[in-house]
Protein backbone atom coordinates (compact mmCIF):
# COMPACT_ATOMS: atom_id res chain seq x y z
CA UNK A 1 128.01 24.37 29.54
CA UNK A 2 124.30 24.09 28.83
CA UNK A 3 122.25 25.95 31.44
CA UNK A 4 119.43 24.03 33.10
CA UNK A 5 116.52 24.61 35.43
CA UNK A 6 114.72 22.11 37.66
CA UNK A 7 110.95 22.04 37.95
CA UNK A 8 110.21 20.07 41.11
CA UNK A 9 113.52 20.28 42.98
CA UNK A 10 112.37 18.19 45.96
CA UNK A 11 111.96 14.40 45.90
CA UNK A 12 114.08 12.50 43.38
CA UNK A 13 115.73 15.71 42.18
CA UNK A 14 117.02 16.52 45.65
CA UNK A 15 117.96 12.90 46.46
CA UNK A 16 119.72 11.97 43.23
CA UNK A 17 120.02 14.76 40.66
CA UNK A 18 121.39 17.53 42.87
CA UNK A 19 124.16 15.31 44.35
CA UNK A 20 125.13 14.32 40.78
CA UNK A 21 125.88 17.90 39.70
CA UNK A 22 129.64 17.74 40.46
CA UNK A 23 129.97 14.84 38.01
CA UNK A 24 128.33 16.69 35.11
CA UNK A 25 130.72 17.90 32.42
CA UNK A 26 128.40 19.69 30.01
CA UNK A 27 125.72 21.01 32.36
CA UNK A 28 125.15 23.72 34.95
CA UNK A 29 121.95 24.23 36.91
CA UNK A 30 121.11 27.93 37.11
CA UNK A 31 117.47 27.87 38.28
CA UNK A 32 115.35 25.71 40.57
CA UNK A 33 111.66 25.65 41.43
CA UNK A 34 109.32 23.76 43.74
CA UNK A 35 105.91 24.43 45.22
CA UNK A 36 107.55 24.04 48.63
CA UNK A 37 109.31 27.37 49.11
CA UNK A 38 111.54 26.04 51.89
CA UNK A 39 112.80 23.24 49.66
CA UNK A 40 113.34 25.68 46.80
CA UNK A 41 115.34 28.05 48.98
CA UNK A 42 117.41 25.21 50.42
CA UNK A 43 118.29 23.77 47.00
CA UNK A 44 118.98 27.22 45.55
CA UNK A 45 121.37 27.97 48.40
CA UNK A 46 123.21 24.64 48.06
CA UNK A 47 123.60 24.94 44.27
CA UNK A 48 123.98 28.68 43.78
CA UNK A 49 120.99 28.63 41.43
CA UNK A 50 118.21 31.19 41.28
CA UNK A 51 115.05 30.32 43.21
CA UNK A 52 111.66 30.42 41.53
CA UNK A 53 108.29 29.45 42.96
CA UNK A 54 106.24 28.91 39.79
CA UNK A 55 106.95 27.11 36.54
CA UNK A 56 106.05 30.22 34.56
CA UNK A 57 108.68 32.34 36.28
CA UNK A 58 111.43 29.75 35.80
CA UNK A 59 110.51 29.17 32.15
CA UNK A 60 110.62 32.93 31.54
CA UNK A 61 114.30 33.01 32.56
CA UNK A 62 116.24 33.59 29.31
CA UNK A 63 119.35 31.91 30.74
CA UNK A 64 117.59 28.55 31.04
CA UNK A 65 118.09 26.39 27.95
CA UNK A 66 116.73 23.08 29.27
CA UNK A 67 114.64 21.86 32.17
CA UNK A 68 114.55 18.70 34.25
CA UNK A 69 110.93 18.04 35.21
CA UNK A 70 110.75 15.85 38.33
CA UNK A 71 107.16 16.43 39.42
CA UNK A 72 104.25 14.01 39.99
CA UNK A 73 103.05 12.35 36.79
CA UNK A 74 99.75 14.23 36.57
CA UNK A 75 101.71 17.49 36.15
CA UNK A 76 103.92 16.24 33.30
CA UNK A 77 101.47 17.07 30.52
CA UNK A 78 100.85 20.77 31.30
CA UNK A 79 104.45 21.41 32.33
CA UNK A 80 105.94 19.90 29.17
CA UNK A 81 103.54 21.92 27.03
CA UNK A 82 104.59 25.09 28.88
CA UNK A 83 108.29 24.26 28.55
CA UNK A 84 107.99 23.50 24.84
CA UNK A 85 106.14 26.77 24.26
CA UNK A 86 108.96 28.58 26.09
CA UNK A 87 111.54 26.91 23.81
CA UNK A 88 113.22 24.82 26.52
CA UNK A 89 114.62 21.34 25.92
CA UNK A 90 113.23 18.79 28.38
CA UNK A 91 114.26 15.80 30.46
CA UNK A 92 111.06 14.41 31.95
CA UNK A 93 110.87 11.88 34.76
CA UNK A 94 109.04 8.62 34.11
CA UNK A 95 106.41 7.61 33.26
CA UNK A 96 105.98 10.21 30.57
CA UNK A 97 102.28 10.86 31.23
CA UNK A 98 99.08 9.47 32.72
CA UNK A 99 97.56 8.69 29.33
CA UNK A 100 98.75 7.95 25.81
CA UNK A 101 96.76 10.95 24.55
CA UNK A 102 98.65 13.29 26.86
CA UNK A 103 101.97 11.68 25.98
CA UNK A 104 101.33 12.01 22.27
CA UNK A 105 100.39 15.66 22.68
CA UNK A 106 103.62 16.29 24.62
CA UNK A 107 105.77 14.66 21.93
CA UNK A 108 104.02 16.58 19.16
CA UNK A 109 104.35 19.88 21.05
CA UNK A 110 108.09 19.39 21.47
CA UNK A 111 108.56 18.42 17.83
CA UNK A 112 106.55 21.43 16.68
CA UNK A 113 108.56 23.75 18.93
CA UNK A 114 111.87 22.30 17.79
CA UNK A 115 112.93 21.28 21.30
CA UNK A 116 114.28 17.93 22.42
CA UNK A 117 112.34 15.66 24.78
CA UNK A 118 113.99 12.74 26.57
CA UNK A 119 112.78 10.60 29.45
CA UNK A 120 114.53 9.64 32.68
CA UNK A 121 115.02 5.89 32.28
CA UNK A 122 118.49 6.18 33.72
CA UNK A 123 119.29 2.46 34.21
CA UNK A 124 120.39 2.23 30.57
CA UNK A 125 123.33 4.46 31.56
CA UNK A 126 124.53 1.97 34.21
CA UNK A 127 127.92 0.80 32.94
CA UNK A 128 127.27 -2.88 33.75
CA UNK A 129 123.87 -2.81 32.06
CA UNK A 130 125.56 -1.33 29.00
CA UNK A 131 128.17 -4.09 29.19
CA UNK A 132 125.35 -6.66 29.23
CA UNK A 133 123.90 -5.11 26.07
CA UNK A 134 127.31 -5.31 24.40
CA UNK A 135 127.70 -8.98 25.32
CA UNK A 136 124.24 -9.77 23.96
CA UNK A 137 124.76 -7.78 20.76
CA UNK A 138 128.03 -9.64 20.08
CA UNK A 139 126.17 -12.93 20.34
CA UNK A 140 128.27 -14.20 23.24
CA UNK A 141 125.30 -15.82 24.99
CA UNK A 142 123.70 -16.74 21.67
CA UNK A 143 120.08 -15.96 20.95
CA UNK A 144 118.38 -14.62 24.07
CA UNK A 145 115.49 -16.91 24.97
CA UNK A 146 114.63 -15.79 28.50
CA UNK A 147 115.20 -12.92 30.92
CA UNK A 148 114.19 -11.88 34.40
CA UNK A 149 114.38 -8.49 36.15
CA UNK A 150 113.55 -7.78 39.78
CA UNK A 151 112.99 -4.30 41.21
CA UNK A 152 111.52 -4.07 44.70
CA UNK A 153 111.38 -1.74 47.70
CA UNK A 154 109.48 -1.15 50.93
CA UNK A 155 106.96 1.64 50.33
CA UNK A 156 104.38 1.81 53.14
CA UNK A 157 101.40 4.17 53.23
CA UNK A 158 102.55 7.79 53.53
CA UNK A 159 100.05 10.66 53.91
CA UNK A 160 100.05 12.78 50.75
CA UNK A 161 102.33 10.46 48.74
CA UNK A 162 101.35 11.01 45.12
CA UNK A 163 102.62 7.59 43.98
CA UNK A 164 99.97 6.03 46.21
CA UNK A 165 97.12 7.92 44.51
CA UNK A 166 96.12 6.53 41.08
CA UNK A 167 94.80 9.93 39.97
CA UNK A 168 98.22 11.49 40.53
CA UNK A 169 100.62 8.74 39.50
CA UNK A 170 98.59 6.49 37.24
CA UNK A 171 99.19 3.34 39.25
CA UNK A 172 101.66 1.74 41.62
CA UNK A 173 104.57 -0.65 41.42
CA UNK A 174 103.93 -1.63 37.81
CA UNK A 175 103.89 1.83 36.26
CA UNK A 176 106.47 3.27 38.66
CA UNK A 177 109.08 0.50 38.70
CA UNK A 178 108.26 -2.24 36.19
CA UNK A 179 108.47 0.34 33.40
CA UNK A 180 112.19 0.78 34.18
CA UNK A 181 112.59 -2.94 33.60
CA UNK A 182 110.58 -3.02 30.37
CA UNK A 183 112.74 -0.23 29.01
CA UNK A 184 116.01 -1.85 30.08
CA UNK A 185 115.11 -5.26 28.66
CA UNK A 186 114.24 -3.79 25.26
CA UNK A 187 117.59 -1.97 25.34
CA UNK A 188 119.66 -5.03 26.25
CA UNK A 189 117.85 -7.63 24.16
CA UNK A 190 117.61 -5.25 21.20
CA UNK A 191 114.03 -6.15 20.32
CA UNK A 192 110.66 -4.52 21.10
CA UNK A 193 108.08 -6.00 23.43
CA UNK A 194 105.04 -7.19 21.46
CA UNK A 195 102.89 -9.12 23.97
CA UNK A 196 102.10 -8.53 27.65
CA UNK A 197 100.40 -10.48 30.42
CA UNK A 198 100.44 -9.24 34.01
CA UNK A 199 99.18 -9.50 37.55
CA UNK A 200 98.94 -6.17 39.40
CA UNK A 201 97.44 -6.33 42.86
CA UNK A 202 97.52 -4.74 46.32
CA UNK A 203 98.60 -7.49 48.70
CA UNK A 204 100.15 -5.73 51.69
CA UNK A 205 99.47 -2.01 51.97
CA UNK A 206 96.23 -0.09 52.34
CA UNK A 207 96.53 2.36 49.44
CA UNK A 208 94.61 2.26 46.16
CA UNK A 209 97.49 1.45 43.79
CA UNK A 210 99.16 -1.90 43.18
CA UNK A 211 101.98 -2.82 45.55
CA UNK A 212 102.65 -6.12 43.73
CA UNK A 213 103.15 -6.83 40.03
CA UNK A 214 104.51 -9.62 37.87
CA UNK A 215 104.66 -9.17 34.10
CA UNK A 216 105.24 -11.78 31.40
CA UNK A 217 106.64 -10.34 28.18
CA UNK A 218 107.28 -11.60 24.69
CA UNK A 219 109.63 -9.77 22.33
CA UNK A 220 109.50 -9.49 18.56
CA UNK A 221 112.52 -11.81 18.28
CA UNK A 222 110.71 -14.48 20.31
CA UNK A 223 112.50 -13.97 23.62
CA UNK A 224 110.42 -14.24 26.79
CA UNK A 225 110.87 -12.37 30.07
CA UNK A 226 109.40 -11.87 33.52
CA UNK A 227 109.49 -8.58 35.41
CA UNK A 228 108.88 -8.49 39.17
CA UNK A 229 108.11 -5.08 40.66
CA UNK A 230 106.93 -4.84 44.27
CA UNK A 231 106.40 -2.07 46.83
CA UNK A 232 106.16 -4.55 49.72
CA UNK A 233 109.57 -6.24 49.96
CA UNK A 234 112.01 -4.94 52.60
CA UNK A 235 114.73 -2.92 50.89
CA UNK A 236 117.65 -5.09 52.02
CA UNK A 237 115.77 -8.27 51.02
CA UNK A 238 115.57 -7.37 47.31
CA UNK A 239 118.71 -8.01 45.30
CA UNK A 240 117.90 -6.09 42.12
CA UNK A 241 118.37 -9.15 39.94
CA UNK A 242 119.04 -9.08 36.21
CA UNK A 243 119.20 -12.45 34.45
CA UNK A 244 119.58 -13.06 30.73
CA UNK A 245 119.63 -16.55 29.23
CA UNK A 246 120.66 -17.57 25.74
CA UNK A 247 121.41 -20.82 23.90
CA UNK A 248 125.15 -20.26 24.49
CA UNK A 249 125.17 -19.01 28.06
CA UNK A 250 123.79 -16.45 30.46
CA UNK A 251 124.41 -13.15 32.23
CA UNK A 252 123.75 -12.99 35.97
CA UNK A 253 123.77 -9.70 37.86
CA UNK A 254 122.79 -8.31 41.24
CA UNK A 255 122.53 -4.67 42.20
CA UNK A 256 122.48 -3.20 38.69
CA UNK A 257 118.71 -2.64 38.91
CA UNK A 258 118.03 0.49 40.94
CA UNK A 259 119.29 4.00 41.54
CA UNK A 260 122.91 3.21 42.43
CA UNK A 261 125.84 2.70 40.00
CA UNK A 262 127.06 -0.39 41.87
CA UNK A 263 126.50 -4.13 41.43
CA UNK A 264 128.13 -7.36 40.28
CA UNK A 265 127.79 -9.17 36.96
CA UNK A 266 129.10 -12.45 35.55
CA UNK A 267 128.77 -14.16 32.19
CA UNK A 268 128.44 -17.95 31.89
CA UNK A 269 129.53 -18.80 28.36
CA UNK A 270 129.35 -22.03 26.36
CA UNK A 271 128.14 -22.93 22.87
CA UNK A 272 125.11 -24.57 21.32
CA UNK A 273 126.97 -27.55 19.76
CA UNK A 274 127.56 -29.51 22.97
CA UNK A 275 125.93 -32.87 23.52
CA UNK A 276 123.03 -33.48 25.87
CA UNK A 277 124.15 -34.02 29.47
CA UNK A 278 121.70 -36.38 31.23
CA UNK A 279 123.13 -35.25 34.58
CA UNK A 280 122.38 -31.57 33.76
CA UNK A 281 125.41 -30.61 35.83
CA UNK A 282 125.81 -26.95 36.77
CA UNK A 283 129.53 -27.64 37.30
CA UNK A 284 130.11 -28.67 33.70
CA UNK A 285 133.62 -27.96 32.41
CA UNK A 286 132.29 -26.67 29.07
CA UNK A 287 131.03 -23.44 30.64
CA UNK A 288 133.41 -20.52 31.15
CA UNK A 289 132.57 -18.06 33.93
CA UNK A 290 133.76 -14.49 33.40
CA UNK A 291 133.33 -11.58 35.77
CA UNK A 292 132.12 -8.47 33.96
CA UNK A 293 133.59 -5.21 35.20
CA UNK A 294 133.05 -1.60 34.15
CA UNK A 295 133.89 1.81 35.55
CA UNK A 296 130.91 3.03 37.61
CA UNK A 297 128.90 5.87 36.07
CA UNK A 298 126.59 8.29 37.85
CA UNK A 299 123.45 7.57 35.86
CA UNK A 300 121.75 10.87 36.72
CA UNK A 301 124.74 12.93 35.63
CA UNK A 302 125.01 10.86 32.46
CA UNK A 303 121.39 11.34 31.38
CA UNK A 304 121.55 15.11 31.84
CA UNK A 305 124.93 15.41 30.11
CA UNK A 306 123.61 13.34 27.21
CA UNK A 307 120.87 15.85 26.47
CA UNK A 308 123.29 18.73 27.01
CA UNK A 309 125.62 17.28 24.39
CA UNK A 310 122.70 16.92 21.98
CA UNK A 311 121.82 20.57 22.54
CA UNK A 312 125.44 21.65 22.04
CA UNK A 313 125.83 19.67 18.82
CA UNK A 314 122.35 20.19 17.42
CA UNK A 315 121.99 16.40 16.95
CA UNK A 316 118.53 15.13 18.00
CA UNK A 317 118.58 12.55 20.80
CA UNK A 318 118.40 8.88 19.84
CA UNK A 319 118.38 7.61 23.44
CA UNK A 320 115.37 7.65 25.80
CA UNK A 321 113.35 9.70 23.33
CA UNK A 322 109.80 10.82 23.93
CA UNK A 323 108.64 8.30 21.33
CA UNK A 324 110.35 5.51 23.29
CA UNK A 325 108.67 6.78 26.45
CA UNK A 326 105.29 6.53 24.75
CA UNK A 327 105.95 2.89 23.89
CA UNK A 328 106.89 2.07 27.49
CA UNK A 329 103.69 3.75 28.69
CA UNK A 330 101.74 1.66 26.17
CA UNK A 331 103.33 -1.51 27.60
CA UNK A 332 102.44 -0.46 31.16
CA UNK A 333 98.83 0.29 30.24
CA UNK A 334 98.67 -3.07 28.47
CA UNK A 335 99.89 -4.68 31.69
CA UNK A 336 97.09 -3.09 33.67
CA UNK A 337 94.58 -4.12 31.02
CA UNK A 338 95.85 -7.70 31.19
CA UNK A 339 95.62 -7.75 34.98
CA UNK A 340 92.09 -6.35 34.84
CA UNK A 341 90.79 -8.70 32.13
CA UNK A 342 92.90 -11.80 32.69
CA UNK A 343 93.94 -11.75 29.03
CA UNK A 344 97.13 -11.52 27.03
CA UNK A 345 97.45 -8.11 25.35
CA UNK A 346 99.16 -7.69 21.99
CA UNK A 347 100.77 -4.34 21.24
């Protein structure tokens, strides 16, 4: 069992990571820390971990081999540098940093220290999303030509919320949620994003970050995609859509985009040799509909256990690496540049 600490044990760590601990097979959490002492004490009591109140004290614990950093984005840079200096492997929440310069410095520091750095884009661990990647990689829907991902929530103004302050989080719905979708689409389609155009605006709420974003993407293989990320859609109204279209069929899913391991997915399969149908019937007999099923996986347990297994084996991570995180940040910043200038941005 690899021994972990948590830096920032409130927020997403308390909501998702702590409840996932029983499903971890290669990991134990032995230390927790938050600036809120009450939260730290509560989490320490519930997990049996040691309570610390500063990053320095937790990182000085010789039992801690790796840390999960789940703090506001503006803290990622100094905390990763401290953790790397202390020789701890790192799982960092997304986005990796506020700026590319900070992100690059973090990646270099970890490489120089010989510690692993991975980022928390957990949706790639969703078993149905992995099934979609397998279907695409086998060519079952042919060449992917189009995709759509939708990730929305209701996020009203909250006093002190760091995601609503651009100096603390770097932006709003686009950098916080659309980045999940960029990452997942690259994973499923198997090709990097090379061009970005976006709208990022504040349409509903009164804070300074974008609550509405739509991104148009082009991939190196020619595929096109749209990503819809909004902070102003009622939670139950958003369906977490994932749609992938190829010249031999499509994949349609609901509920696989988000923090839960649930959802439904179907594949609509045909071939590219059929004749033109002037009726364009959606009930055509030459399309086979297949429900896609997979055993649910706790994505948060899976991402921690993945790094633990890398540490145990000494094999560097090849999944959600710091370098991949830098590319996703570059895409997000290109989206904001496009929204600001009204121009397509090439990466």
